[in-house]
N, C-alpha and C. Protein backbone atom coordinates (compact mmCIF):
# COMPACT_ATOMS: atom_id res chain seq x y z
N UNK A 1 -4.24 -17.50 23.86
CA UNK A 1 -3.87 -18.37 24.84
C UNK A 1 -2.60 -17.48 24.54
N UNK A 2 -2.62 -16.30 25.91
CA UNK A 2 -1.29 -15.25 25.23
C UNK A 2 0.00 -15.78 26.30
N UNK A 3 1.00 -15.53 25.58
CA UNK A 3 2.39 -16.24 26.16
C UNK A 3 2.22 -15.03 27.33
N UNK A 4 3.22 -16.19 28.08
CA UNK A 4 3.19 -14.89 29.53
C UNK A 4 4.51 -14.40 29.36
N UNK A 5 5.52 -15.45 28.62
CA UNK A 5 7.31 -14.92 28.58
C UNK A 5 6.50 -14.09 28.19
N UNK A 6 5.93 -13.88 25.90
CA UNK A 6 6.33 -12.99 25.10
C UNK A 6 6.89 -11.73 26.06
N UNK A 7 7.52 -10.89 25.96
CA UNK A 7 7.47 -9.14 26.47
C UNK A 7 8.82 -8.72 26.14
N UNK A 8 8.62 -7.60 26.47
CA UNK A 8 9.99 -6.47 25.83
C UNK A 8 10.18 -5.35 27.34
N UNK A 9 10.93 -5.75 28.70
CA UNK A 9 11.63 -4.92 29.60
C UNK A 9 12.58 -3.89 29.23
N UNK A 10 12.18 -2.62 30.08
CA UNK A 10 13.92 -1.56 29.46
C UNK A 10 13.89 -1.34 31.44
N UNK A 11 15.32 -2.27 31.46
CA UNK A 11 15.78 -1.94 33.45
C UNK A 11 16.82 -0.70 33.32
N UNK A 12 17.15 -0.31 33.82
CA UNK A 12 18.94 0.48 33.84
C UNK A 12 19.62 0.66 31.79
N UNK A 13 18.44 0.69 31.13
CA UNK A 13 19.16 1.09 29.68
C UNK A 13 19.03 0.39 28.73
N UNK A 14 19.55 -1.27 29.81
CA UNK A 14 18.52 -2.28 29.03
C UNK A 14 17.52 -2.68 28.96
N UNK A 15 17.28 -3.17 27.42
CA UNK A 15 16.10 -4.26 26.86
C UNK A 15 16.24 -5.97 27.01
N UNK A 16 15.41 -6.25 28.22
CA UNK A 16 14.92 -7.75 27.64
C UNK A 16 14.17 -8.55 26.57
N UNK A 17 14.06 -8.68 25.71
CA UNK A 17 12.97 -9.10 24.81
C UNK A 17 12.95 -10.36 25.00
N UNK A 18 12.10 -11.18 24.61
CA UNK A 18 11.28 -12.81 24.90
C UNK A 18 10.39 -12.38 23.46
N UNK A 19 10.02 -13.27 22.45
CA UNK A 19 8.97 -13.24 21.38
C UNK A 19 9.16 -14.21 21.14
N UNK A 20 8.39 -14.82 20.40
CA UNK A 20 7.95 -16.06 19.56
C UNK A 20 8.44 -15.52 18.56
N UNK A 21 9.37 -16.92 17.61
CA UNK A 21 9.64 -16.97 15.88
C UNK A 21 8.95 -17.72 15.57
N UNK A 22 8.58 -17.95 14.31
CA UNK A 22 8.60 -19.26 13.31
C UNK A 22 9.67 -19.08 12.56
N UNK A 23 9.96 -20.76 12.59
CA UNK A 23 11.69 -20.81 11.72
C UNK A 23 10.85 -21.14 10.27
N UNK A 24 10.41 -21.38 9.52
CA UNK A 24 9.93 -22.42 8.41
C UNK A 24 11.44 -22.29 7.36
N UNK A 25 10.59 -23.29 6.70
CA UNK A 25 12.29 -24.33 5.24
C UNK A 25 11.03 -23.11 3.26
N UNK A 26 11.30 -22.73 3.27
CA UNK A 26 11.26 -21.65 1.76
C UNK A 26 12.30 -21.92 0.65
N UNK A 27 12.29 -23.52 0.44
CA UNK A 27 13.45 -23.70 -1.22
C UNK A 27 14.76 -24.30 0.33
N UNK A 28 15.73 -23.29 -0.76
CA UNK A 28 17.00 -23.62 0.42
C UNK A 28 17.18 -22.67 1.94
N UNK A 29 16.70 -21.98 1.82
CA UNK A 29 16.72 -20.39 2.77
C UNK A 29 15.42 -21.55 3.93
N UNK A 30 15.76 -21.10 5.29
CA UNK A 30 14.82 -20.25 6.50
C UNK A 30 14.77 -19.36 6.88
N UNK A 31 13.75 -18.57 6.65
CA UNK A 31 12.95 -17.84 7.32
C UNK A 31 12.51 -18.06 9.18
N UNK A 32 12.78 -16.64 9.21
CA UNK A 32 12.87 -16.79 10.97
C UNK A 32 11.67 -15.43 10.57
N UNK A 33 9.99 -16.13 11.65
CA UNK A 33 9.50 -14.72 10.81
C UNK A 33 8.92 -14.45 12.00
N UNK A 34 8.07 -13.08 13.01
CA UNK A 34 7.60 -12.66 13.97
C UNK A 34 7.06 -11.93 13.70
N UNK A 35 4.75 -12.38 14.36
CA UNK A 35 4.17 -12.24 14.21
C UNK A 35 3.95 -10.89 14.89
N UNK A 36 4.59 -10.70 16.28
CA UNK A 36 3.65 -9.74 17.02
C UNK A 36 5.11 -8.89 17.17
N UNK A 37 5.73 -8.31 15.95
CA UNK A 37 7.30 -7.13 16.15
C UNK A 37 6.57 -7.32 14.77
N UNK A 38 6.15 -8.19 13.45
CA UNK A 38 6.07 -8.60 11.99
C UNK A 38 7.38 -7.82 11.03
N UNK A 39 8.61 -8.10 12.22
CA UNK A 39 9.86 -7.63 10.82
C UNK A 39 10.07 -10.09 11.25
N UNK A 40 10.58 -9.93 9.60
CA UNK A 40 11.49 -10.87 9.22
C UNK A 40 12.74 -11.38 8.71
N UNK A 41 14.15 -12.42 8.97
CA UNK A 41 15.00 -13.08 7.78
C UNK A 41 15.61 -14.04 7.43
N UNK A 42 16.02 -14.56 7.20
CA UNK A 42 16.68 -14.95 6.80
C UNK A 42 18.29 -15.66 6.53
N UNK A 43 18.12 -17.46 6.86
CA UNK A 43 19.47 -17.81 6.20
C UNK A 43 19.66 -18.59 5.74
N UNK A 44 21.17 -19.39 5.66
CA UNK A 44 20.70 -20.04 4.52
C UNK A 44 21.28 -21.52 5.26
N UNK A 45 21.12 -21.78 6.94
CA UNK A 45 21.38 -22.47 7.37
C UNK A 45 19.50 -22.61 8.69
N UNK A 46 19.44 -22.95 9.76
CA UNK A 46 18.77 -23.00 10.66
C UNK A 46 18.98 -21.85 11.47
N UNK A 47 20.23 -22.71 12.41
CA UNK A 47 20.63 -21.20 13.49
C UNK A 47 20.96 -20.22 12.22
N UNK A 48 21.35 -20.84 11.00
CA UNK A 48 21.96 -18.59 10.81
C UNK A 48 20.81 -17.91 11.44
N UNK A 49 19.68 -18.48 10.38
CA UNK A 49 18.33 -18.18 10.37
C UNK A 49 18.11 -17.75 12.11
N UNK A 50 19.26 -18.49 12.88
CA UNK A 50 18.54 -18.38 14.82
C UNK A 50 19.00 -16.26 14.52
N UNK A 51 20.00 -16.98 14.28
CA UNK A 51 21.46 -15.63 14.82
C UNK A 51 21.03 -14.57 14.27
N UNK A 52 20.78 -14.57 12.73
CA UNK A 52 20.49 -13.52 12.28
C UNK A 52 18.76 -12.15 12.43
N UNK A 53 18.16 -13.42 13.17
CA UNK A 53 17.39 -12.85 14.01
C UNK A 53 17.33 -12.08 15.01
N UNK A 54 17.70 -12.79 15.93
CA UNK A 54 18.43 -12.21 17.34
C UNK A 54 19.46 -10.87 17.07
N UNK A 55 19.68 -10.98 15.87
CA UNK A 55 20.72 -9.40 15.84
C UNK A 55 19.38 -8.34 14.99
N UNK A 56 18.59 -8.97 14.28
CA UNK A 56 17.61 -8.13 14.34
C UNK A 56 16.57 -7.30 15.30
N UNK A 57 15.89 -7.94 15.56
CA UNK A 57 15.41 -8.50 16.76
C UNK A 57 16.17 -6.79 18.01
N UNK A 58 17.23 -7.21 18.11
CA UNK A 58 18.55 -6.24 19.27
C UNK A 58 18.93 -5.25 17.84
N UNK A 59 18.27 -4.93 16.57
CA UNK A 59 18.89 -3.18 16.37
C UNK A 59 17.14 -3.01 16.41
N UNK A 60 17.09 -3.47 15.47
CA UNK A 60 15.13 -3.24 16.39
C UNK A 60 14.58 -2.22 16.79
N UNK A 61 15.26 -3.26 17.90
CA UNK A 61 14.43 -2.29 19.43
C UNK A 61 15.46 -1.36 19.84
N UNK A 62 16.35 -1.01 18.92
CA UNK A 62 17.75 -0.38 19.53
C UNK A 62 17.93 1.10 19.20
N UNK A 63 16.96 1.09 17.90
CA UNK A 63 16.38 2.02 16.74
C UNK A 63 14.79 2.07 17.33
N UNK A 64 13.57 1.68 17.28
CA UNK A 64 12.89 2.93 17.47
C UNK A 64 12.86 3.32 19.58
N UNK A 65 13.96 2.72 20.02
CA UNK A 65 14.64 2.95 21.63
C UNK A 65 15.05 4.75 20.72
N UNK A 66 15.92 4.93 19.92
CA UNK A 66 16.86 5.83 19.62
C UNK A 66 16.64 6.43 19.33
N UNK A 67 15.34 6.84 18.52
CA UNK A 67 13.94 7.29 17.68
C UNK A 67 13.02 7.57 18.67
N UNK A 68 13.18 7.58 19.81
CA UNK A 68 12.20 7.68 20.55
C UNK A 68 10.65 7.08 20.34
N UNK A 69 10.65 6.22 19.27
CA UNK A 69 9.68 5.59 18.59
C UNK A 69 8.29 4.99 19.48
N UNK A 70 9.50 4.53 20.04
CA UNK A 70 8.68 2.42 21.12
C UNK A 70 7.51 2.60 21.01
N UNK A 71 6.97 3.22 21.85
CA UNK A 71 5.65 3.50 22.14
C UNK A 71 5.29 3.30 21.30
N UNK A 72 5.00 4.29 20.57
CA UNK A 72 3.95 5.15 18.53
C UNK A 72 4.24 2.84 17.91
N UNK A 73 5.19 2.03 17.69
CA UNK A 73 5.44 1.59 17.14
C UNK A 73 5.15 0.36 17.90
N UNK A 74 5.58 0.24 18.84
CA UNK A 74 5.47 -1.13 19.82
C UNK A 74 3.35 -0.75 19.77
N UNK A 75 2.41 0.24 19.92
CA UNK A 75 1.57 0.10 20.34
C UNK A 75 0.34 -0.24 18.86
N UNK A 76 1.26 0.40 18.28
CA UNK A 76 0.97 0.23 16.60
C UNK A 76 0.64 -1.29 16.11
N UNK A 77 0.91 -2.12 17.36
CA UNK A 77 1.19 -3.67 17.02
C UNK A 77 0.61 -4.22 17.99
N UNK A 78 0.00 -3.51 18.79
CA UNK A 78 -1.62 -4.10 19.73
C UNK A 78 0.07 -4.67 20.78
N UNK A 79 0.73 -3.61 21.27
CA UNK A 79 1.29 -3.92 21.94
C UNK A 79 1.02 -3.15 23.58
N UNK A 80 0.67 -3.53 25.30
CA UNK A 80 0.77 -2.72 25.73
C UNK A 80 1.68 -2.45 26.49
N UNK A 81 2.15 -1.36 27.25
CA UNK A 81 3.00 -1.02 28.43
C UNK A 81 2.25 -0.91 29.70
N UNK A 82 3.44 -1.43 30.69
CA UNK A 82 2.74 -1.38 31.99
C UNK A 82 3.83 -1.16 32.56
N UNK A 83 3.07 -0.66 33.76
CA UNK A 83 3.82 0.05 34.40
C UNK A 83 4.96 -0.04 34.86
N UNK A 84 6.00 -1.03 35.21
CA UNK A 84 6.85 -0.99 35.29
C UNK A 84 8.05 -1.25 34.51
N UNK A 85 7.89 -0.50 32.36
CA UNK A 85 8.24 -0.63 32.01
C UNK A 85 8.44 -1.29 30.99
N UNK A 86 7.71 -2.32 30.94
CA UNK A 86 7.71 -3.62 30.17
C UNK A 86 6.22 -3.09 29.24
N UNK A 87 6.23 -3.76 28.24
CA UNK A 87 5.23 -3.94 26.58
C UNK A 87 5.44 -5.78 26.71
N UNK A 88 3.74 -6.20 26.56
CA UNK A 88 3.88 -6.90 26.31
C UNK A 88 2.70 -6.79 25.34
N UNK A 89 2.73 -8.34 24.20
CA UNK A 89 2.27 -8.51 22.63
C UNK A 89 0.63 -8.57 22.55
N UNK A 90 -0.05 -8.28 22.11
CA UNK A 90 -1.01 -8.47 21.54
C UNK A 90 -1.29 -10.30 22.05
N UNK A 91 -2.80 -10.12 22.77
CA UNK A 91 -3.39 -11.88 22.29
C UNK A 91 -3.50 -12.12 20.67
N UNK A 92 -2.64 -13.39 20.44
CA UNK A 92 -2.91 -13.93 19.26
C UNK A 92 -2.26 -15.09 19.60
N UNK A 93 -3.53 -16.26 18.93
CA UNK A 93 -2.66 -17.62 18.45
C UNK A 93 -3.86 -18.18 17.64
N UNK A 94 -2.35 -18.93 16.65
CA UNK A 94 -2.49 -19.44 14.99
C UNK A 94 -3.76 -20.89 16.02
N UNK A 95 -5.02 -20.43 15.10
CA UNK A 95 -5.88 -21.28 14.77
C UNK A 95 -5.97 -22.30 14.06
N UNK A 96 -5.46 -22.13 13.03
CA UNK A 96 -5.18 -23.07 11.86
C UNK A 96 -4.92 -22.86 10.35
N UNK A 97 -3.56 -23.76 9.81
CA UNK A 97 -2.70 -22.97 8.86
C UNK A 97 -3.24 -24.10 7.54
N UNK A 98 -3.71 -23.32 6.68
CA UNK A 98 -4.32 -23.98 5.12
C UNK A 98 -3.82 -23.45 3.84
N UNK A 99 -4.14 -24.65 3.22
CA UNK A 99 -3.67 -23.97 1.75
C UNK A 99 -5.53 -23.78 1.82
N UNK A 100 -5.21 -22.43 0.23
CA UNK A 100 -7.05 -21.78 0.12
C UNK A 100 -6.21 -22.21 -1.80
N UNK A 101 -7.57 -22.78 -2.49
CA UNK A 101 -7.78 -22.52 -4.08
C UNK A 101 -7.97 -21.47 -4.64
N UNK A 102 -7.89 -20.29 -4.59
CA UNK A 102 -8.56 -19.60 -4.91
C UNK A 102 -8.60 -19.37 -6.94
N UNK A 103 -9.16 -18.35 -8.03
CA UNK A 103 -9.13 -18.41 -8.93
C UNK A 103 -10.53 -17.23 -9.05
N UNK A 104 -9.07 -16.81 -10.18
CA UNK A 104 -8.82 -14.94 -10.27
C UNK A 104 -10.15 -15.02 -11.82
N UNK A 105 -11.11 -13.80 -11.14
CA UNK A 105 -10.59 -13.26 -13.24
C UNK A 105 -9.64 -12.40 -14.00
N UNK A 106 -9.52 -12.58 -14.79
CA UNK A 106 -7.88 -11.61 -15.73
C UNK A 106 -8.30 -10.87 -16.56
């Protein structure tokens, strides 16, 4: 099911970004991951991971816009550009998270 709120909109030199983020705890750190942008960051607390993620998204968008590669980068991640300078992410849905045991010969 596509998230109708997930999008990136450019309007008069300003970007409005709404993307899904997963925050998980790995040991003592909190990791913030955004599958539709394929970026991640971490913090020592949940709030710090959230803040670091917001900063990372701003830097990510600013850099690909400054480099003139926003269409190429978002396109390679499966995003679609609409007519009104709005990009929407690919339709993704987490089906199941599980652990699988695998034995590999060495």
